[in-house]
Amino acid sequence: MRVRHPERPDWGEGQVQSVIGNRITVNFQHAGKLLINAALVELKVVEADD
């Protein structure tokens, strides 16, 4: 699944690598692999048409 961080558009699109509870590991184009707390951030899913 491809996502974007709503407050960090400079990170580019990210590929979700794993989801464990509220922890989402995402590999972003311009920020690398980051651990996102889903309780604090609602990542935006990138649709296939985008």
Protein backbone atom coordinates (compact mmCIF):
# COMPACT_ATOMS: atom_id res chain seq x y z
CA MET A 1 0.00 0.00 0.00
CA ARG A 2 1.30 3.46 -0.89
CA VAL A 3 0.72 6.37 1.48
CA ARG A 4 1.60 10.00 2.13
CA HIS A 5 2.15 11.77 5.44
CA PRO A 6 -0.37 14.66 5.54
CA GLU A 7 2.02 17.04 7.33
CA ARG A 8 5.20 16.06 5.46
CA PRO A 9 4.58 16.21 1.70
CA ASP A 10 8.35 16.64 1.25
CA TRP A 11 8.79 12.99 2.25
CA GLY A 12 7.02 11.90 -0.96
CA GLU A 13 5.09 8.68 -1.30
CA GLY A 14 5.81 5.84 1.04
CA GLN A 15 5.44 2.08 0.78
CA VAL A 16 3.96 0.48 3.90
CA GLN A 17 6.22 -2.35 5.00
CA SER A 18 4.53 -3.54 8.17
CA VAL A 19 1.72 -2.75 10.58
CA ILE A 20 1.86 -3.89 14.19
CA GLY A 21 -0.83 -2.38 16.35
CA ASN A 22 -0.58 1.41 15.98
CA ARG A 23 2.96 1.21 14.59
CA ILE A 24 3.34 1.47 10.83
CA THR A 25 6.72 1.09 9.17
CA VAL A 26 6.86 3.09 5.94
CA ASN A 27 9.68 3.51 3.44
CA PHE A 28 9.30 7.06 2.09
CA GLN A 29 10.88 8.22 -1.19
CA HIS A 30 12.75 11.16 0.34
CA ALA A 31 12.91 10.32 4.04
CA GLY A 32 13.73 6.62 4.11
CA LYS A 33 12.28 4.07 6.48
CA LEU A 34 10.28 5.59 9.34
CA LEU A 35 8.09 4.27 12.13
CA ILE A 36 4.76 6.11 12.24
CA ASN A 37 2.45 6.08 15.25
CA ALA A 38 -1.04 5.70 13.76
CA ALA A 39 -2.56 6.97 17.01
CA LEU A 40 -0.99 10.36 16.24
CA VAL A 41 -0.88 10.51 12.43
CA GLU A 42 -3.49 9.48 9.87
CA LEU A 43 -1.55 8.54 6.75
CA LYS A 44 -3.31 9.23 3.46
CA VAL A 45 -3.63 6.28 1.09
CA VAL A 46 -2.43 7.04 -2.44
CA GLU A 47 -4.99 5.79 -4.94
CA ALA A 48 -3.84 3.98 -8.07
CA ASP A 49 -5.06 6.92 -10.19
CA ASP A 50 -2.91 9.49 -8.32
